């Protein structure tokens, strides 16, 4: 599913026929902003940190590293592929939740909270669900990661370095091979020096 990025001058994200569309009041400014956005993160990069609110409004800070790998999932409640793959992700979180921290970032916007809640309940999503938001014309979490499609998953190792980035259909491969991939990340993690505060994300 293509996610159209927007600036503060653009109307909120709208779900239409499975695509998130935006109406631009200043086309030239929007094109300049899109051109300035980075591509999808790649292995070897340090993962950006961010703070977003949960569905219930409580803020959560994601701090990459801390001695435990993390899987970030960027998604939309109106994305057909998200709906298809979420049950598999929930299953993976139950199997690997003790060794990999799962965290999801929803891109639909505050106005679609009811749809997001329904999606979460319907699919039994037990890992944290955060709502991306706009600050200074850019999305707080998804823009620093270069997210342009949903779903997209970012696997971050225990040292806070991006291990892999999987956009849209590539997530099928991640899900299929997650046992092997997560094992590789965990082995890498054992070589890292333990830290005094191992939490990867925490409430503020």
N, C-alpha and C. Protein backbone atom coordinates (compact mmCIF):
# COMPACT_ATOMS: atom_id res chain seq x y z
N UNK A 1 0.84 -1.19 0.00
CA UNK A 1 0.00 0.00 0.00
C UNK A 1 0.88 1.24 0.00
N UNK A 2 0.64 2.13 -0.93
CA UNK A 2 1.42 3.36 -1.03
C UNK A 2 0.94 4.35 0.01
N UNK A 3 1.89 4.91 0.73
CA UNK A 3 1.54 5.95 1.68
C UNK A 3 2.04 7.28 1.15
N UNK A 4 1.12 8.22 0.92
CA UNK A 4 1.49 9.53 0.39
C UNK A 4 1.87 10.42 1.55
N UNK A 5 3.12 10.92 1.57
CA UNK A 5 3.55 11.79 2.64
C UNK A 5 2.95 13.17 2.45
N UNK A 6 2.89 13.94 3.53
CA UNK A 6 2.29 15.26 3.45
C UNK A 6 2.97 16.22 4.40
N UNK A 7 2.73 17.50 4.20
CA UNK A 7 3.22 18.53 5.12
C UNK A 7 2.06 19.06 5.92
N UNK A 8 2.33 20.02 6.84
CA UNK A 8 1.28 20.56 7.68
C UNK A 8 0.20 21.26 6.87
N UNK A 9 0.53 21.70 5.64
CA UNK A 9 -0.45 22.41 4.82
C UNK A 9 -1.37 21.45 4.08
N UNK A 10 -1.17 20.15 4.27
CA UNK A 10 -1.98 19.15 3.60
C UNK A 10 -3.05 18.63 4.55
N UNK A 11 -4.21 18.31 4.02
CA UNK A 11 -5.28 17.76 4.83
C UNK A 11 -4.84 16.45 5.44
N UNK A 12 -5.49 16.01 6.56
CA UNK A 12 -5.12 14.74 7.19
C UNK A 12 -5.23 13.58 6.23
N UNK A 13 -4.56 12.47 6.56
CA UNK A 13 -4.59 11.27 5.73
C UNK A 13 -6.01 10.77 5.58
N UNK A 14 -6.36 10.42 4.34
CA UNK A 14 -7.69 9.88 4.06
C UNK A 14 -7.54 8.50 3.46
N UNK A 15 -8.35 7.57 3.93
CA UNK A 15 -8.30 6.21 3.40
C UNK A 15 -9.30 6.10 2.25
N UNK A 16 -8.82 5.89 1.03
CA UNK A 16 -9.69 5.78 -0.13
C UNK A 16 -9.21 4.60 -0.97
N UNK A 17 -10.08 3.60 -1.12
CA UNK A 17 -9.77 2.42 -1.93
C UNK A 17 -8.43 1.81 -1.56
N UNK A 18 -8.16 1.76 -0.27
CA UNK A 18 -6.94 1.11 0.19
C UNK A 18 -5.71 1.97 0.12
N UNK A 19 -5.83 3.21 -0.35
CA UNK A 19 -4.68 4.11 -0.43
C UNK A 19 -4.90 5.29 0.49
N UNK A 20 -3.80 5.81 1.08
CA UNK A 20 -3.87 7.01 1.88
C UNK A 20 -3.57 8.18 0.97
N UNK A 21 -4.57 9.06 0.78
CA UNK A 21 -4.43 10.17 -0.15
C UNK A 21 -4.38 11.47 0.61
N UNK A 22 -3.77 12.50 -0.01
CA UNK A 22 -3.72 13.82 0.61
C UNK A 22 -4.03 14.88 -0.42
N UNK A 23 -4.72 15.96 0.00
CA UNK A 23 -5.00 17.09 -0.86
C UNK A 23 -4.05 18.21 -0.48
N UNK A 24 -3.34 18.75 -1.43
CA UNK A 24 -2.29 19.71 -1.15
C UNK A 24 -2.75 21.13 -1.45
N UNK A 25 -2.61 22.01 -0.47
CA UNK A 25 -3.02 23.40 -0.68
C UNK A 25 -1.90 24.22 -1.29
N UNK A 26 -0.66 23.73 -1.17
CA UNK A 26 0.49 24.43 -1.73
C UNK A 26 1.36 23.40 -2.45
N UNK A 27 1.06 23.06 -3.71
CA UNK A 27 1.75 21.98 -4.41
C UNK A 27 3.26 22.15 -4.46
N UNK A 28 3.75 23.35 -4.72
CA UNK A 28 5.20 23.56 -4.84
C UNK A 28 5.90 23.27 -3.53
N UNK A 29 5.31 23.77 -2.42
CA UNK A 29 5.92 23.55 -1.11
C UNK A 29 5.91 22.06 -0.78
N UNK A 30 4.79 21.37 -1.13
CA UNK A 30 4.69 19.94 -0.85
C UNK A 30 5.73 19.16 -1.63
N UNK A 31 5.93 19.49 -2.91
CA UNK A 31 6.92 18.79 -3.72
C UNK A 31 8.32 18.98 -3.16
N UNK A 32 8.63 20.19 -2.70
CA UNK A 32 9.94 20.45 -2.11
C UNK A 32 10.14 19.61 -0.85
N UNK A 33 9.07 19.50 -0.04
CA UNK A 33 9.16 18.73 1.20
C UNK A 33 9.36 17.26 0.91
N UNK A 34 8.62 16.72 -0.08
CA UNK A 34 8.76 15.31 -0.43
C UNK A 34 10.16 15.03 -0.95
N UNK A 35 10.69 15.96 -1.75
CA UNK A 35 12.02 15.77 -2.30
C UNK A 35 13.08 15.72 -1.21
N UNK A 36 12.79 16.41 -0.08
CA UNK A 36 13.77 16.48 1.00
C UNK A 36 13.71 15.25 1.90
N UNK A 37 12.67 14.44 1.78
CA UNK A 37 12.52 13.28 2.64
C UNK A 37 13.51 12.19 2.25
N UNK A 38 13.96 11.47 3.25
CA UNK A 38 14.97 10.46 3.02
C UNK A 38 14.38 9.16 2.51
N UNK A 39 15.20 8.31 1.89
CA UNK A 39 14.73 6.98 1.48
C UNK A 39 14.65 6.05 2.68
N UNK A 40 14.14 4.85 2.44
CA UNK A 40 14.02 3.86 3.50
C UNK A 40 15.38 3.57 4.13
N UNK A 41 15.39 3.46 5.46
CA UNK A 41 16.63 3.15 6.15
C UNK A 41 17.19 1.82 5.63
N UNK A 42 18.48 1.63 5.78
CA UNK A 42 19.10 0.41 5.29
C UNK A 42 19.99 -0.20 6.38
N UNK A 43 20.33 -1.48 6.26
CA UNK A 43 21.15 -2.13 7.27
C UNK A 43 22.47 -1.38 7.50
N UNK A 44 22.83 -1.28 8.76
CA UNK A 44 24.07 -0.60 9.12
C UNK A 44 23.84 0.81 9.65
N UNK A 45 22.67 1.39 9.38
CA UNK A 45 22.36 2.72 9.90
C UNK A 45 21.94 2.63 11.36
N UNK A 46 22.20 3.70 12.11
CA UNK A 46 21.67 3.79 13.46
C UNK A 46 20.19 4.13 13.38
N UNK A 47 19.37 3.38 14.09
CA UNK A 47 17.92 3.58 14.07
C UNK A 47 17.55 4.85 14.84
N UNK A 48 16.70 5.71 14.27
CA UNK A 48 16.28 6.93 14.97
C UNK A 48 15.38 6.61 16.17
N UNK A 49 15.49 7.42 17.20
CA UNK A 49 14.60 7.31 18.35
C UNK A 49 13.41 8.25 18.14
N UNK A 50 12.34 8.01 18.87
CA UNK A 50 11.16 8.88 18.76
C UNK A 50 10.26 8.67 19.96
N UNK A 51 9.35 9.61 20.17
CA UNK A 51 8.33 9.50 21.22
C UNK A 51 6.97 9.78 20.59
N UNK A 52 6.03 8.84 20.78
CA UNK A 52 4.67 8.98 20.26
C UNK A 52 3.68 8.57 21.34
N UNK A 53 2.42 8.90 21.11
CA UNK A 53 1.37 8.50 22.04
C UNK A 53 0.76 7.17 21.65
N UNK A 54 0.38 6.40 22.66
CA UNK A 54 -0.41 5.20 22.44
C UNK A 54 -1.84 5.61 22.07
N UNK A 55 -2.65 4.61 21.76
CA UNK A 55 -4.07 4.86 21.48
C UNK A 55 -4.76 5.52 22.66
N UNK A 56 -4.33 5.16 23.88
CA UNK A 56 -4.97 5.72 25.07
C UNK A 56 -4.41 7.09 25.44
N UNK A 57 -3.43 7.58 24.67
CA UNK A 57 -2.89 8.91 24.89
C UNK A 57 -1.60 8.96 25.68
N UNK A 58 -1.20 7.85 26.30
CA UNK A 58 0.04 7.84 27.07
C UNK A 58 1.25 7.87 26.15
N UNK A 59 2.23 8.74 26.43
CA UNK A 59 3.43 8.81 25.58
C UNK A 59 4.37 7.64 25.83
N UNK A 60 5.00 7.17 24.75
CA UNK A 60 5.98 6.10 24.82
C UNK A 60 7.21 6.53 24.03
N UNK A 61 8.37 6.37 24.61
CA UNK A 61 9.62 6.70 23.93
C UNK A 61 10.28 5.43 23.43
N UNK A 62 10.61 5.39 22.16
CA UNK A 62 11.37 4.28 21.60
C UNK A 62 12.83 4.69 21.52
N UNK A 63 13.66 3.96 22.25
CA UNK A 63 15.10 4.23 22.28
C UNK A 63 15.80 2.99 21.74
N UNK A 64 16.29 3.02 20.49
CA UNK A 64 16.91 1.83 19.91
C UNK A 64 18.10 1.35 20.72
N UNK A 65 18.26 0.04 20.76
CA UNK A 65 19.39 -0.55 21.48
C UNK A 65 18.98 -0.97 22.87
N UNK A 66 19.88 -0.82 23.81
CA UNK A 66 19.57 -1.20 25.19
C UNK A 66 19.72 -2.68 25.47
N UNK A 67 20.30 -3.43 24.51
CA UNK A 67 20.58 -4.84 24.77
C UNK A 67 19.54 -5.81 24.25
N UNK A 68 18.46 -5.31 23.62
CA UNK A 68 17.41 -6.18 23.09
C UNK A 68 17.03 -5.75 21.69
N UNK A 69 16.94 -6.70 20.74
CA UNK A 69 16.49 -6.35 19.39
C UNK A 69 15.03 -5.88 19.39
N UNK A 70 14.66 -5.12 18.37
CA UNK A 70 13.29 -4.62 18.25
C UNK A 70 12.79 -4.78 16.82
N UNK A 71 11.50 -5.03 16.68
CA UNK A 71 10.86 -5.02 15.37
C UNK A 71 9.82 -3.92 15.36
N UNK A 72 10.03 -2.91 14.51
CA UNK A 72 9.07 -1.82 14.34
C UNK A 72 8.21 -2.12 13.13
N UNK A 73 6.90 -2.03 13.28
CA UNK A 73 5.99 -2.28 12.17
C UNK A 73 5.17 -1.01 11.92
N UNK A 74 5.31 -0.44 10.73
CA UNK A 74 4.56 0.74 10.32
C UNK A 74 3.38 0.26 9.47
N UNK A 75 2.16 0.69 9.83
CA UNK A 75 0.99 0.10 9.19
C UNK A 75 -0.19 1.06 9.16
N UNK A 76 -1.24 0.64 8.43
CA UNK A 76 -2.49 1.38 8.35
C UNK A 76 -3.65 0.41 8.51
N UNK A 77 -4.69 0.86 9.18
CA UNK A 77 -5.88 0.03 9.36
C UNK A 77 -6.64 -0.16 8.05
N UNK A 78 -6.32 0.64 7.03
CA UNK A 78 -7.03 0.59 5.76
C UNK A 78 -6.20 -0.08 4.66
N UNK A 79 -5.11 -0.69 5.05
CA UNK A 79 -4.18 -1.33 4.11
C UNK A 79 -4.50 -2.82 4.01
N UNK A 80 -4.90 -3.31 2.83
CA UNK A 80 -5.24 -4.73 2.68
C UNK A 80 -4.10 -5.67 3.08
N UNK A 81 -2.87 -5.34 2.70
CA UNK A 81 -1.75 -6.22 3.05
C UNK A 81 -1.48 -6.20 4.55
N UNK A 82 -1.71 -5.04 5.19
CA UNK A 82 -1.58 -4.97 6.65
C UNK A 82 -2.57 -5.92 7.30
N UNK A 83 -3.80 -5.90 6.81
CA UNK A 83 -4.83 -6.78 7.36
C UNK A 83 -4.46 -8.25 7.16
N UNK A 84 -3.87 -8.54 6.02
CA UNK A 84 -3.50 -9.93 5.73
C UNK A 84 -2.36 -10.42 6.62
N UNK A 85 -1.36 -9.57 6.84
CA UNK A 85 -0.13 -10.01 7.53
C UNK A 85 -0.15 -9.82 9.04
N UNK A 86 -1.07 -8.99 9.55
CA UNK A 86 -1.07 -8.74 10.98
C UNK A 86 -1.25 -10.00 11.83
N UNK A 87 -2.14 -10.93 11.48
CA UNK A 87 -2.23 -12.16 12.29
C UNK A 87 -0.90 -12.91 12.38
N UNK A 88 -0.14 -12.92 11.29
CA UNK A 88 1.18 -13.57 11.32
C UNK A 88 2.13 -12.83 12.25
N UNK A 89 2.07 -11.50 12.23
CA UNK A 89 2.92 -10.70 13.11
C UNK A 89 2.55 -10.92 14.57
N UNK A 90 1.27 -11.01 14.85
CA UNK A 90 0.82 -11.28 16.21
C UNK A 90 1.34 -12.64 16.67
N UNK A 91 1.28 -13.62 15.79
CA UNK A 91 1.79 -14.95 16.11
C UNK A 91 3.30 -14.91 16.38
N UNK A 92 4.03 -14.16 15.56
CA UNK A 92 5.48 -14.04 15.77
C UNK A 92 5.78 -13.36 17.10
N UNK A 93 4.98 -12.36 17.44
CA UNK A 93 5.22 -11.65 18.70
C UNK A 93 5.02 -12.57 19.90
N UNK A 94 4.08 -13.49 19.79
CA UNK A 94 3.84 -14.43 20.88
C UNK A 94 4.98 -15.43 21.00
N UNK A 95 5.57 -15.82 19.85
CA UNK A 95 6.65 -16.80 19.87
C UNK A 95 8.00 -16.19 20.24
N UNK A 96 8.20 -14.94 19.84
CA UNK A 96 9.52 -14.33 20.01
C UNK A 96 9.52 -13.12 20.94
N UNK A 97 8.39 -12.89 21.61
CA UNK A 97 8.28 -11.70 22.45
C UNK A 97 9.27 -11.61 23.59
N UNK A 98 9.83 -12.74 24.01
CA UNK A 98 10.80 -12.71 25.10
C UNK A 98 12.19 -12.32 24.64
N UNK A 99 12.43 -12.38 23.34
CA UNK A 99 13.77 -12.08 22.83
C UNK A 99 13.82 -10.92 21.85
N UNK A 100 12.66 -10.57 21.26
CA UNK A 100 12.56 -9.43 20.34
C UNK A 100 11.38 -8.58 20.77
N UNK A 101 11.58 -7.29 20.89
CA UNK A 101 10.50 -6.40 21.30
C UNK A 101 9.74 -5.92 20.07
N UNK A 102 8.44 -6.11 20.08
CA UNK A 102 7.56 -5.70 18.98
C UNK A 102 6.91 -4.37 19.32
N UNK A 103 6.91 -3.47 18.35
CA UNK A 103 6.30 -2.15 18.53
C UNK A 103 5.73 -1.72 17.19
N UNK A 104 4.47 -1.26 17.17
CA UNK A 104 3.87 -0.86 15.90
C UNK A 104 3.55 0.63 15.90
N UNK A 105 3.66 1.22 14.71
CA UNK A 105 3.38 2.65 14.52
C UNK A 105 2.30 2.78 13.45
N UNK A 106 1.15 3.32 13.85
CA UNK A 106 0.05 3.50 12.91
C UNK A 106 0.15 4.85 12.23
N UNK A 107 -0.14 4.89 10.92
CA UNK A 107 0.05 6.10 10.12
C UNK A 107 -1.26 6.78 9.71
N UNK A 108 -2.39 6.34 10.26
CA UNK A 108 -3.67 6.84 9.79
C UNK A 108 -4.05 8.21 10.32
N UNK A 109 -3.55 8.59 11.45
CA UNK A 109 -3.90 9.88 12.02
C UNK A 109 -4.93 9.77 13.13
N UNK A 110 -4.95 10.78 13.99
CA UNK A 110 -5.78 10.78 15.19
C UNK A 110 -7.28 10.63 14.88
N UNK A 111 -7.72 11.14 13.74
CA UNK A 111 -9.15 11.12 13.42
C UNK A 111 -9.67 9.71 13.16
N UNK A 112 -8.77 8.76 12.93
CA UNK A 112 -9.19 7.39 12.64
C UNK A 112 -8.98 6.45 13.83
N UNK A 113 -8.95 7.00 15.04
CA UNK A 113 -8.71 6.19 16.23
C UNK A 113 -9.70 5.03 16.37
N UNK A 114 -10.96 5.27 16.06
CA UNK A 114 -11.96 4.21 16.20
C UNK A 114 -11.67 3.05 15.27
N UNK A 115 -11.28 3.36 14.03
CA UNK A 115 -10.94 2.30 13.07
C UNK A 115 -9.70 1.55 13.54
N UNK A 116 -8.75 2.27 14.11
CA UNK A 116 -7.52 1.64 14.60
C UNK A 116 -7.83 0.71 15.77
N UNK A 117 -8.67 1.19 16.69
CA UNK A 117 -9.05 0.36 17.84
C UNK A 117 -9.75 -0.91 17.38
N UNK A 118 -10.64 -0.79 16.40
CA UNK A 118 -11.35 -1.96 15.88
C UNK A 118 -10.38 -2.96 15.27
N UNK A 119 -9.41 -2.43 14.51
CA UNK A 119 -8.40 -3.29 13.88
C UNK A 119 -7.61 -4.03 14.95
N UNK A 120 -7.16 -3.31 15.96
CA UNK A 120 -6.35 -3.91 17.03
C UNK A 120 -7.13 -5.00 17.76
N UNK A 121 -8.40 -4.72 18.06
CA UNK A 121 -9.23 -5.70 18.77
C UNK A 121 -9.51 -6.91 17.90
N UNK A 122 -9.84 -6.66 16.64
CA UNK A 122 -10.17 -7.74 15.71
C UNK A 122 -9.01 -8.70 15.51
N UNK A 123 -7.78 -8.16 15.48
CA UNK A 123 -6.61 -8.99 15.22
C UNK A 123 -5.85 -9.42 16.47
N UNK A 124 -6.34 -9.02 17.64
CA UNK A 124 -5.70 -9.44 18.88
C UNK A 124 -4.28 -8.92 19.02
N UNK A 125 -4.05 -7.69 18.57
CA UNK A 125 -2.70 -7.12 18.65
C UNK A 125 -2.38 -6.82 20.11
N UNK A 126 -1.35 -7.47 20.63
CA UNK A 126 -1.00 -7.32 22.05
C UNK A 126 0.22 -6.43 22.26
N UNK A 127 1.02 -6.21 21.22
CA UNK A 127 2.18 -5.35 21.36
C UNK A 127 1.75 -3.88 21.26
N UNK A 128 2.57 -2.95 21.74
CA UNK A 128 2.17 -1.53 21.78
C UNK A 128 1.85 -0.97 20.39
N UNK A 129 0.79 -0.17 20.34
CA UNK A 129 0.37 0.51 19.11
C UNK A 129 0.49 2.01 19.35
N UNK A 130 1.37 2.66 18.59
CA UNK A 130 1.59 4.09 18.72
C UNK A 130 1.04 4.82 17.49
N UNK A 131 0.67 6.08 17.68
CA UNK A 131 0.11 6.88 16.60
C UNK A 131 1.14 7.89 16.12
N UNK A 132 1.53 7.78 14.84
CA UNK A 132 2.48 8.76 14.31
C UNK A 132 1.80 10.13 14.24
N UNK A 133 2.60 11.18 14.36
CA UNK A 133 2.06 12.53 14.38
C UNK A 133 3.01 13.45 13.61
N UNK A 134 2.55 14.66 13.33
CA UNK A 134 3.34 15.62 12.57
C UNK A 134 3.96 16.66 13.48
N UNK A 135 5.24 16.94 13.25
CA UNK A 135 5.94 18.01 13.96
C UNK A 135 6.81 18.74 12.95
N UNK A 136 6.63 20.03 12.86
CA UNK A 136 7.42 20.84 11.91
C UNK A 136 7.31 20.30 10.49
N UNK A 137 6.09 19.95 10.08
CA UNK A 137 5.77 19.50 8.73
C UNK A 137 6.26 18.09 8.38
N UNK A 138 6.79 17.36 9.36
CA UNK A 138 7.26 16.01 9.09
C UNK A 138 6.68 15.04 10.11
N UNK A 139 6.48 13.79 9.68
CA UNK A 139 6.01 12.77 10.59
C UNK A 139 7.13 12.40 11.56
N UNK A 140 6.79 12.33 12.84
CA UNK A 140 7.79 12.15 13.89
C UNK A 140 8.56 10.85 13.74
N UNK A 141 7.88 9.74 13.46
CA UNK A 141 8.54 8.44 13.40
C UNK A 141 8.80 7.97 11.98
N UNK A 142 7.78 8.02 11.13
CA UNK A 142 7.90 7.38 9.81
C UNK A 142 8.83 8.12 8.85
N UNK A 143 8.88 9.45 8.92
CA UNK A 143 9.77 10.17 8.00
C UNK A 143 11.25 9.92 8.29
N UNK A 144 11.71 9.93 9.54
CA UNK A 144 13.11 9.62 9.80
C UNK A 144 13.51 8.21 9.35
N UNK A 145 12.52 7.31 9.29
CA UNK A 145 12.81 5.94 8.83
C UNK A 145 12.62 5.79 7.32
N UNK A 146 12.12 6.83 6.66
CA UNK A 146 11.93 6.77 5.21
C UNK A 146 10.77 5.90 4.79
N UNK A 147 9.73 5.83 5.61
CA UNK A 147 8.60 4.96 5.31
C UNK A 147 7.74 5.58 4.21
N UNK A 148 7.52 4.86 3.12
CA UNK A 148 6.66 5.33 2.03
C UNK A 148 5.57 4.32 1.69
N UNK A 149 5.62 3.12 2.26
CA UNK A 149 4.62 2.09 1.99
C UNK A 149 4.22 1.42 3.30
N UNK A 150 2.98 0.91 3.32
CA UNK A 150 2.56 0.10 4.45
C UNK A 150 2.12 -1.27 3.92
N UNK A 151 2.40 -2.33 4.68
CA UNK A 151 3.20 -2.30 5.90
C UNK A 151 4.70 -2.25 5.59
N UNK A 152 5.46 -1.72 6.51
CA UNK A 152 6.92 -1.78 6.45
C UNK A 152 7.43 -2.15 7.83
N UNK A 153 8.35 -3.09 7.89
CA UNK A 153 8.93 -3.52 9.16
C UNK A 153 10.42 -3.19 9.17
N UNK A 154 10.88 -2.70 10.31
CA UNK A 154 12.30 -2.39 10.51
C UNK A 154 12.80 -3.24 11.67
N UNK A 155 13.80 -4.06 11.41
CA UNK A 155 14.40 -4.88 12.47
C UNK A 155 15.66 -4.18 12.96
N UNK A 156 15.69 -3.89 14.25
CA UNK A 156 16.80 -3.16 14.86
C UNK A 156 17.52 -4.09 15.83
N UNK A 157 18.84 -4.14 15.76
CA UNK A 157 19.56 -5.05 16.64
C UNK A 157 19.70 -4.47 18.04
N UNK A 158 20.32 -5.24 18.93
CA UNK A 158 20.40 -4.85 20.33
C UNK A 158 21.28 -3.62 20.56
N UNK A 159 22.09 -3.28 19.57
CA UNK A 159 22.93 -2.09 19.68
C UNK A 159 22.31 -0.85 19.08
N UNK A 160 21.07 -0.98 18.58
CA UNK A 160 20.38 0.17 18.00
C UNK A 160 20.69 0.40 16.53
N UNK A 161 21.23 -0.62 15.85
CA UNK A 161 21.57 -0.52 14.43
C UNK A 161 20.54 -1.27 13.60
N UNK A 162 20.14 -0.68 12.48
CA UNK A 162 19.17 -1.33 11.59
C UNK A 162 19.77 -2.60 11.03
N UNK A 163 19.07 -3.72 11.25
CA UNK A 163 19.52 -5.01 10.73
C UNK A 163 18.88 -5.30 9.38
N UNK A 164 17.62 -4.84 9.19
CA UNK A 164 16.92 -5.06 7.93
C UNK A 164 15.69 -4.18 7.84
N UNK A 165 15.31 -3.84 6.60
CA UNK A 165 14.11 -3.04 6.33
C UNK A 165 13.29 -3.76 5.27
N UNK A 166 12.01 -3.97 5.55
CA UNK A 166 11.17 -4.81 4.69
C UNK A 166 9.87 -4.05 4.37
N UNK A 167 9.74 -3.61 3.13
CA UNK A 167 8.59 -2.81 2.73
C UNK A 167 7.59 -3.63 1.93
N UNK A 168 6.32 -3.50 2.29
CA UNK A 168 5.21 -4.11 1.56
C UNK A 168 5.43 -5.61 1.36
N UNK A 169 5.48 -6.08 0.11
CA UNK A 169 5.55 -7.52 -0.16
C UNK A 169 6.79 -8.17 0.44
N UNK A 170 7.85 -7.40 0.66
CA UNK A 170 9.07 -7.97 1.24
C UNK A 170 8.82 -8.49 2.66
N UNK A 171 7.73 -8.04 3.27
CA UNK A 171 7.43 -8.52 4.62
C UNK A 171 7.04 -9.99 4.64
N UNK A 172 6.56 -10.49 3.53
CA UNK A 172 6.24 -11.92 3.46
C UNK A 172 7.50 -12.75 3.71
N UNK A 173 8.59 -12.31 3.11
CA UNK A 173 9.86 -13.00 3.28
C UNK A 173 10.34 -12.91 4.73
N UNK A 174 10.19 -11.73 5.33
CA UNK A 174 10.58 -11.56 6.73
C UNK A 174 9.80 -12.51 7.63
N UNK A 175 8.48 -12.55 7.43
CA UNK A 175 7.63 -13.41 8.26
C UNK A 175 8.00 -14.88 8.06
N UNK A 176 8.22 -15.26 6.81
CA UNK A 176 8.57 -16.65 6.50
C UNK A 176 9.89 -17.07 7.16
N UNK A 177 10.86 -16.16 7.17
CA UNK A 177 12.20 -16.48 7.65
C UNK A 177 12.50 -15.90 9.03
N UNK A 178 11.46 -15.48 9.76
CA UNK A 178 11.71 -14.74 10.99
C UNK A 178 12.46 -15.54 12.04
N UNK A 179 12.20 -16.84 12.12
CA UNK A 179 12.92 -17.67 13.09
C UNK A 179 14.43 -17.57 12.86
N UNK A 180 14.83 -17.70 11.60
CA UNK A 180 16.24 -17.64 11.25
C UNK A 180 16.81 -16.22 11.42
N UNK A 181 16.04 -15.23 10.95
CA UNK A 181 16.51 -13.84 11.03
C UNK A 181 16.66 -13.40 12.48
N UNK A 182 15.67 -13.69 13.31
CA UNK A 182 15.73 -13.27 14.70
C UNK A 182 16.85 -13.99 15.44
N UNK A 183 17.10 -15.24 15.07
CA UNK A 183 18.21 -15.98 15.67
C UNK A 183 19.55 -15.31 15.36
N UNK A 184 19.69 -14.85 14.11
CA UNK A 184 20.91 -14.16 13.71
C UNK A 184 21.10 -12.87 14.50
N UNK A 185 20.01 -12.15 14.71
CA UNK A 185 20.09 -10.89 15.46
C UNK A 185 20.42 -11.17 16.92
N UNK A 186 19.83 -12.22 17.48
CA UNK A 186 20.10 -12.54 18.89
C UNK A 186 21.54 -12.95 19.10
N UNK A 187 22.09 -13.71 18.15
CA UNK A 187 23.49 -14.11 18.27
C UNK A 187 24.41 -12.89 18.24
N UNK A 188 24.04 -11.95 17.38
CA UNK A 188 24.81 -10.71 17.32
C UNK A 188 24.69 -9.95 18.64
N UNK A 189 23.50 -10.04 19.25
CA UNK A 189 23.25 -9.33 20.49
C UNK A 189 24.10 -9.84 21.64
N UNK A 190 24.41 -11.15 21.64
CA UNK A 190 25.19 -11.72 22.72
C UNK A 190 26.62 -11.20 22.73
N UNK A 191 27.06 -10.65 21.60
CA UNK A 191 28.41 -10.10 21.51
C UNK A 191 28.48 -8.67 22.03
N UNK A 192 27.29 -8.07 22.24
CA UNK A 192 27.26 -6.70 22.72
C UNK A 192 27.42 -6.66 24.23
N UNK A 193 28.02 -5.62 24.70
CA UNK A 193 28.21 -5.44 26.13
C UNK A 193 26.88 -5.07 26.78
N UNK A 194 26.49 -5.74 27.87
CA UNK A 194 25.22 -5.41 28.53
C UNK A 194 25.22 -3.97 29.02
N UNK A 195 24.03 -3.37 29.01
CA UNK A 195 23.89 -2.00 29.49
C UNK A 195 23.17 -1.99 30.82
N UNK A 196 23.28 -0.89 31.53
CA UNK A 196 22.66 -0.80 32.86
C UNK A 196 21.14 -0.72 32.75
N UNK A 197 20.63 -0.11 31.65
CA UNK A 197 19.19 0.02 31.45
C UNK A 197 18.81 -0.65 30.13
N UNK A 198 18.33 -1.90 30.18
CA UNK A 198 18.08 -2.66 28.95
C UNK A 198 16.79 -2.33 28.24
N UNK A 199 15.95 -1.44 28.82
CA UNK A 199 14.68 -1.17 28.14
C UNK A 199 14.90 -0.51 26.79
N UNK A 200 14.16 -0.99 25.78
CA UNK A 200 14.24 -0.41 24.45
C UNK A 200 13.24 0.72 24.31
N UNK A 201 12.08 0.57 24.92
CA UNK A 201 11.13 1.67 24.91
C UNK A 201 10.48 1.73 26.29
N UNK A 202 10.09 2.91 26.69
CA UNK A 202 9.56 3.07 28.03
C UNK A 202 8.55 4.21 28.05
N UNK A 203 7.71 4.19 29.08
CA UNK A 203 6.70 5.22 29.25
C UNK A 203 7.37 6.51 29.73
N UNK A 204 6.77 7.66 29.37
CA UNK A 204 7.24 8.94 29.89
C UNK A 204 6.08 9.70 30.51
